[in-house]
């Protein structure tokens, strides 16, 4: 059985989550991320990388006028 690099596992997990979101839109993203982490045996660090892919972009703070 060939070894798979961690980056490849995260890439596969991203694809899995994207497909699952399409087929099961009612399932919360957090649950899908957990499922992907278990399915692809992701390390905690890889799990964080996976989560960052699906984070909402943060809006830059606009300074209030004074």
PDB file of N, CA and C in Angstrom:
ATOM      1  N   UNK A   1       0.853  -1.175   0.000  1.00  0.00           N
ATOM      2  CA  UNK A   1       0.000   0.000   0.000  1.00  0.00           C
ATOM      3  C   UNK A   1       0.902   1.241   0.000  1.00  0.00           C
ATOM      4  N   UNK A   2       0.767   2.108  -0.974  1.00  0.00           N
ATOM      5  CA  UNK A   2       1.635   3.287  -1.037  1.00  0.00           C
ATOM      6  C   UNK A   2       1.278   4.316   0.043  1.00  0.00           C
ATOM      7  N   UNK A   3       2.290   5.028   0.471  1.00  0.00           N
ATOM      8  CA  UNK A   3       2.071   6.095   1.443  1.00  0.00           C
ATOM      9  C   UNK A   3       1.493   7.315   0.736  1.00  0.00           C
ATOM     10  N   UNK A   4       0.610   8.013   1.409  1.00  0.00           N
ATOM     11  CA  UNK A   4      -0.008   9.214   0.855  1.00  0.00           C
ATOM     12  C   UNK A   4       0.457  10.399   1.688  1.00  0.00           C
ATOM     13  N   UNK A   5       0.896  11.449   1.029  1.00  0.00           N
ATOM     14  CA  UNK A   5       1.351  12.641   1.744  1.00  0.00           C
ATOM     15  C   UNK A   5       0.179  13.330   2.425  1.00  0.00           C
ATOM     16  N   UNK A   6       0.482  14.063   3.492  1.00  0.00           N
ATOM     17  CA  UNK A   6      -0.561  14.758   4.235  1.00  0.00           C
ATOM     18  C   UNK A   6      -1.297  15.769   3.355  1.00  0.00           C
ATOM     19  N   UNK A   7      -0.572  16.479   2.501  1.00  0.00           N
ATOM     20  CA  UNK A   7      -1.217  17.442   1.615  1.00  0.00           C
ATOM     21  C   UNK A   7      -2.226  16.785   0.702  1.00  0.00           C
ATOM     22  N   UNK A   8      -1.919  15.584   0.265  1.00  0.00           N
ATOM     23  CA  UNK A   8      -2.840  14.828  -0.593  1.00  0.00           C
ATOM     24  C   UNK A   8      -4.087  14.429   0.186  1.00  0.00           C
ATOM     25  N   UNK A   9      -3.917  14.055   1.446  1.00  0.00           N
ATOM     26  CA  UNK A   9      -5.070  13.701   2.271  1.00  0.00           C
ATOM     27  C   UNK A   9      -5.993  14.895   2.459  1.00  0.00           C
ATOM     28  N   UNK A  10      -5.418  16.057   2.677  1.00  0.00           N
ATOM     29  CA  UNK A  10      -6.236  17.264   2.848  1.00  0.00           C
ATOM     30  C   UNK A  10      -6.964  17.575   1.543  1.00  0.00           C
ATOM     31  N   UNK A  11      -6.283  17.431   0.412  1.00  0.00           N
ATOM     32  CA  UNK A  11      -6.917  17.685  -0.885  1.00  0.00           C
ATOM     33  C   UNK A  11      -8.102  16.746  -1.098  1.00  0.00           C
ATOM     34  N   UNK A  12      -7.913  15.479  -0.772  1.00  0.00           N
ATOM     35  CA  UNK A  12      -9.001  14.506  -0.901  1.00  0.00           C
ATOM     36  C   UNK A  12     -10.151  14.841   0.047  1.00  0.00           C
ATOM     37  N   UNK A  13      -9.811  15.275   1.249  1.00  0.00           N
ATOM     38  CA  UNK A  13     -10.838  15.639   2.229  1.00  0.00           C
ATOM     39  C   UNK A  13     -11.631  16.854   1.749  1.00  0.00           C
ATOM     40  N   UNK A  14     -10.959  17.835   1.123  1.00  0.00           N
ATOM     41  CA  UNK A  14     -11.652  19.002   0.573  1.00  0.00           C
ATOM     42  C   UNK A  14     -12.650  18.555  -0.491  1.00  0.00           C
ATOM     43  N   UNK A  15     -12.221  17.684  -1.378  1.00  0.00           N
ATOM     44  CA  UNK A  15     -13.115  17.171  -2.418  1.00  0.00           C
ATOM     45  C   UNK A  15     -14.306  16.443  -1.808  1.00  0.00           C
ATOM     46  N   UNK A  16     -14.044  15.651  -0.773  1.00  0.00           N
ATOM     47  CA  UNK A  16     -15.110  14.918  -0.093  1.00  0.00           C
ATOM     48  C   UNK A  16     -16.135  15.885   0.499  1.00  0.00           C
ATOM     49  N   UNK A  17     -15.657  16.895   1.208  1.00  0.00           N
ATOM     50  CA  UNK A  17     -16.571  17.848   1.847  1.00  0.00           C
ATOM     51  C   UNK A  17     -17.379  18.597   0.792  1.00  0.00           C
ATOM     52  N   UNK A  18     -16.735  19.008  -0.295  1.00  0.00           N
ATOM     53  CA  UNK A  18     -17.460  19.719  -1.350  1.00  0.00           C
ATOM     54  C   UNK A  18     -18.566  18.857  -1.949  1.00  0.00           C
ATOM     55  N   UNK A  19     -18.271  17.593  -2.201  1.00  0.00           N
ATOM     56  CA  UNK A  19     -19.283  16.687  -2.760  1.00  0.00           C
ATOM     57  C   UNK A  19     -20.409  16.439  -1.763  1.00  0.00           C
ATOM     58  N   UNK A  20     -20.050  16.253  -0.502  1.00  0.00           N
ATOM     59  CA  UNK A  20     -21.067  16.001   0.513  1.00  0.00           C
ATOM     60  C   UNK A  20     -21.968  17.217   0.721  1.00  0.00           C
ATOM     61  N   UNK A  21     -21.404  18.416   0.612  1.00  0.00           N
ATOM     62  CA  UNK A  21     -22.216  19.632   0.760  1.00  0.00           C
ATOM     63  C   UNK A  21     -23.261  19.709  -0.350  1.00  0.00           C
ATOM     64  N   UNK A  22     -22.899  19.244  -1.542  1.00  0.00           N
ATOM     65  CA  UNK A  22     -23.851  19.240  -2.662  1.00  0.00           C
ATOM     66  C   UNK A  22     -24.943  18.198  -2.458  1.00  0.00           C
ATOM     67  N   UNK A  23     -24.545  17.018  -2.031  1.00  0.00           N
ATOM     68  CA  UNK A  23     -25.514  15.933  -1.903  1.00  0.00           C
ATOM     69  C   UNK A  23     -26.288  15.952  -0.585  1.00  0.00           C
ATOM     70  N   UNK A  24     -25.734  16.594   0.436  1.00  0.00           N
ATOM     71  CA  UNK A  24     -26.391  16.656   1.755  1.00  0.00           C
ATOM     72  C   UNK A  24     -26.339  18.083   2.295  1.00  0.00           C
ATOM     73  N   UNK A  25     -27.032  19.016   1.638  1.00  0.00           N
ATOM     74  CA  UNK A  25     -26.936  20.427   2.043  1.00  0.00           C
ATOM     75  C   UNK A  25     -27.485  20.718   3.440  1.00  0.00           C
ATOM     76  N   UNK A  26     -28.281  19.805   3.977  1.00  0.00           N
ATOM     77  CA  UNK A  26     -28.864  20.016   5.301  1.00  0.00           C
ATOM     78  C   UNK A  26     -27.904  19.681   6.438  1.00  0.00           C
ATOM     79  N   UNK A  27     -26.793  19.018   6.136  1.00  0.00           N
ATOM     80  CA  UNK A  27     -25.829  18.630   7.167  1.00  0.00           C
ATOM     81  C   UNK A  27     -24.905  19.810   7.455  1.00  0.00           C
ATOM     82  N   UNK A  28     -24.734  20.158   8.729  1.00  0.00           N
ATOM     83  CA  UNK A  28     -23.840  21.284   9.075  1.00  0.00           C
ATOM     84  C   UNK A  28     -22.399  21.043   8.617  1.00  0.00           C
ATOM     85  N   UNK A  29     -21.749  22.110   8.226  1.00  0.00           N
ATOM     86  CA  UNK A  29     -20.373  22.032   7.752  1.00  0.00           C
ATOM     87  C   UNK A  29     -19.459  21.404   8.804  1.00  0.00           C
ATOM     88  N   UNK A  30     -19.638  21.758  10.065  1.00  0.00           N
ATOM     89  CA  UNK A  30     -18.784  21.216  11.128  1.00  0.00           C
ATOM     90  C   UNK A  30     -18.855  19.687  11.162  1.00  0.00           C
ATOM     91  N   UNK A  31     -20.027  19.160  10.961  1.00  0.00           N
ATOM     92  CA  UNK A  31     -20.175  17.699  10.960  1.00  0.00           C
ATOM     93  C   UNK A  31     -19.454  17.083   9.762  1.00  0.00           C
ATOM     94  N   UNK A  32     -19.579  17.716   8.595  1.00  0.00           N
ATOM     95  CA  UNK A  32     -18.893  17.208   7.408  1.00  0.00           C
ATOM     96  C   UNK A  32     -17.374  17.261   7.578  1.00  0.00           C
ATOM     97  N   UNK A  33     -16.888  18.321   8.214  1.00  0.00           N
ATOM     98  CA  UNK A  33     -15.448  18.430   8.471  1.00  0.00           C
ATOM     99  C   UNK A  33     -14.988  17.325   9.412  1.00  0.00           C
ATOM    100  N   UNK A  34     -15.788  17.043  10.434  1.00  0.00           N
ATOM    101  CA  UNK A  34     -15.448  15.946  11.357  1.00  0.00           C
ATOM    102  C   UNK A  34     -15.435  14.607  10.629  1.00  0.00           C
ATOM    103  N   UNK A  35     -16.458  14.383   9.786  1.00  0.00           N
ATOM    104  CA  UNK A  35     -16.521  13.137   9.028  1.00  0.00           C
ATOM    105  C   UNK A  35     -15.298  12.981   8.126  1.00  0.00           C
ATOM    106  N   UNK A  36     -14.918  14.066   7.459  1.00  0.00           N
ATOM    107  CA  UNK A  36     -13.761  14.020   6.566  1.00  0.00           C
ATOM    108  C   UNK A  36     -12.486  13.738   7.359  1.00  0.00           C
ATOM    109  N   UNK A  37     -12.369  14.352   8.522  1.00  0.00           N
ATOM    110  CA  UNK A  37     -11.198  14.122   9.363  1.00  0.00           C
ATOM    111  C   UNK A  37     -11.052  12.667   9.759  1.00  0.00           C
ATOM    112  N   UNK A  38     -12.175  12.037  10.094  1.00  0.00           N
ATOM    113  CA  UNK A  38     -12.135  10.622  10.464  1.00  0.00           C
ATOM    114  C   UNK A  38     -11.909   9.746   9.236  1.00  0.00           C
ATOM    115  N   UNK A  39     -12.596  10.061   8.159  1.00  0.00           N
ATOM    116  CA  UNK A  39     -12.515   9.252   6.945  1.00  0.00           C
ATOM    117  C   UNK A  39     -11.090   9.218   6.374  1.00  0.00           C
ATOM    118  N   UNK A  40     -10.405  10.363   6.418  1.00  0.00           N
ATOM    119  CA  UNK A  40      -9.071  10.460   5.839  1.00  0.00           C
ATOM    120  C   UNK A  40      -7.968  10.437   6.897  1.00  0.00           C
ATOM    121  N   UNK A  41      -8.351  10.154   8.135  1.00  0.00           N
ATOM    122  CA  UNK A  41      -7.399  10.024   9.242  1.00  0.00           C
ATOM    123  C   UNK A  41      -6.469  11.236   9.316  1.00  0.00           C
ATOM    124  N   UNK A  42      -7.077  12.420   9.326  1.00  0.00           N
ATOM    125  CA  UNK A  42      -6.301  13.658   9.355  1.00  0.00           C
ATOM    126  C   UNK A  42      -5.761  13.930  10.746  1.00  0.00           C
ATOM    127  N   UNK A  43      -4.573  14.464  10.792  1.00  0.00           N
ATOM    128  CA  UNK A  43      -3.997  14.901  12.064  1.00  0.00           C
ATOM    129  C   UNK A  43      -4.721  16.172  12.494  1.00  0.00           C
ATOM    130  N   UNK A  44      -4.579  16.582  13.746  1.00  0.00           N
ATOM    131  CA  UNK A  44      -5.215  17.839  14.166  1.00  0.00           C
ATOM    132  C   UNK A  44      -4.778  19.030  13.303  1.00  0.00           C
ATOM    133  N   UNK A  45      -3.508  19.068  12.933  1.00  0.00           N
ATOM    134  CA  UNK A  45      -3.021  20.156  12.094  1.00  0.00           C
ATOM    135  C   UNK A  45      -3.667  20.112  10.707  1.00  0.00           C
ATOM    136  N   UNK A  46      -3.778  18.930  10.128  1.00  0.00           N
ATOM    137  CA  UNK A  46      -4.435  18.793   8.831  1.00  0.00           C
ATOM    138  C   UNK A  46      -5.920  19.140   8.941  1.00  0.00           C
ATOM    139  N   UNK A  47      -6.532  18.806  10.053  1.00  0.00           N
ATOM    140  CA  UNK A  47      -7.931  19.172  10.275  1.00  0.00           C
ATOM    141  C   UNK A  47      -8.112  20.684  10.297  1.00  0.00           C
ATOM    142  N   UNK A  48      -7.157  21.392  10.890  1.00  0.00           N
ATOM    143  CA  UNK A  48      -7.207  22.855  10.891  1.00  0.00           C
ATOM    144  C   UNK A  48      -7.043  23.400   9.484  1.00  0.00           C
ATOM    145  N   UNK A  49      -6.138  22.809   8.719  1.00  0.00           N
ATOM    146  CA  UNK A  49      -5.948  23.235   7.326  1.00  0.00           C
ATOM    147  C   UNK A  49      -7.242  23.047   6.538  1.00  0.00           C
ATOM    148  N   UNK A  50      -7.886  21.918   6.753  1.00  0.00           N
ATOM    149  CA  UNK A  50      -9.152  21.643   6.078  1.00  0.00           C
ATOM    150  C   UNK A  50     -10.201  22.676   6.466  1.00  0.00           C
ATOM    151  N   UNK A  51     -10.309  22.985   7.729  1.00  0.00           N
ATOM    152  CA  UNK A  51     -11.288  23.968   8.199  1.00  0.00           C
ATOM    153  C   UNK A  51     -11.049  25.340   7.580  1.00  0.00           C
ATOM    154  N   UNK A  52      -9.780  25.725   7.452  1.00  0.00           N
ATOM    155  CA  UNK A  52      -9.458  27.041   6.879  1.00  0.00           C
ATOM    156  C   UNK A  52      -9.912  27.165   5.434  1.00  0.00           C
ATOM    157  N   UNK A  53      -9.925  26.064   4.714  1.00  0.00           N
ATOM    158  CA  UNK A  53     -10.371  26.098   3.315  1.00  0.00           C
ATOM    159  C   UNK A  53     -11.827  26.555   3.237  1.00  0.00           C
ATOM    160  N   UNK A  54     -12.623  26.182   4.235  1.00  0.00           N
ATOM    161  CA  UNK A  54     -14.049  26.472   4.210  1.00  0.00           C
ATOM    162  C   UNK A  54     -14.456  27.661   5.076  1.00  0.00           C
ATOM    163  N   UNK A  55     -13.487  28.371   5.645  1.00  0.00           N
ATOM    164  CA  UNK A  55     -13.812  29.555   6.444  1.00  0.00           C
ATOM    165  C   UNK A  55     -14.366  30.654   5.557  1.00  0.00           C
ATOM    166  N   UNK A  56     -15.304  31.385   6.099  1.00  0.00           N
ATOM    167  CA  UNK A  56     -15.828  32.554   5.399  1.00  0.00           C
ATOM    168  C   UNK A  56     -14.734  33.612   5.395  1.00  0.00           C
ATOM    169  N   UNK A  57     -14.535  34.281   4.265  1.00  0.00           N
ATOM    170  CA  UNK A  57     -13.530  35.353   4.278  1.00  0.00           C
ATOM    171  C   UNK A  57     -13.967  36.457   5.236  1.00  0.00           C
ATOM    172  N   UNK A  58     -13.041  36.851   6.051  1.00  0.00           N
ATOM    173  CA  UNK A  58     -13.360  37.899   7.031  1.00  0.00           C
ATOM    174  C   UNK A  58     -13.329  39.245   6.340  1.00  0.00           C
ATOM    175  N   UNK A  59     -14.349  40.037   6.619  1.00  0.00           N
ATOM    176  CA  UNK A  59     -14.378  41.380   6.058  1.00  0.00           C
ATOM    177  C   UNK A  59     -13.373  42.235   6.807  1.00  0.00           C
ATOM    178  N   UNK A  60     -12.681  43.038   6.066  1.00  0.00           N
ATOM    179  CA  UNK A  60     -11.707  43.916   6.701  1.00  0.00           C
ATOM    180  C   UNK A  60     -12.452  44.973   7.498  1.00  0.00           C
ATOM    181  N   UNK A  61     -11.924  45.249   8.635  1.00  0.00           N
ATOM    182  CA  UNK A  61     -12.545  46.261   9.490  1.00  0.00           C
ATOM    183  C   UNK A  61     -12.421  47.628   8.825  1.00  0.00           C
ATOM    184  N   UNK A  62     -13.536  48.286   8.752  1.00  0.00           N
ATOM    185  CA  UNK A  62     -13.544  49.622   8.172  1.00  0.00           C
ATOM    186  C   UNK A  62     -13.513  50.605   9.330  1.00  0.00           C
ATOM    187  N   UNK A  63     -12.528  51.476   9.356  1.00  0.00           N
ATOM    188  CA  UNK A  63     -12.464  52.432  10.472  1.00  0.00           C
ATOM    189  C   UNK A  63     -13.701  53.340  10.445  1.00  0.00           C
ATOM    190  N   UNK A  64     -14.222  53.567  11.616  1.00  0.00           N
ATOM    191  CA  UNK A  64     -15.393  54.447  11.701  1.00  0.00           C
ATOM    192  C   UNK A  64     -14.965  55.896  11.560  1.00  0.00           C
ATOM    193  N   UNK A  65     -15.779  56.686  10.859  1.00  0.00           N
ATOM    194  CA  UNK A  65     -15.422  58.101  10.706  1.00  0.00           C
ATOM    195  C   UNK A  65     -15.523  58.827  12.047  1.00  0.00           C
ATOM    196  N   UNK A  66     -14.623  59.735  12.255  1.00  0.00           N
ATOM    197  CA  UNK A  66     -14.623  60.476  13.536  1.00  0.00           C
ATOM    198  C   UNK A  66     -14.890  61.914  13.295  1.00  0.00           C
TER     199      UNK A  66
END
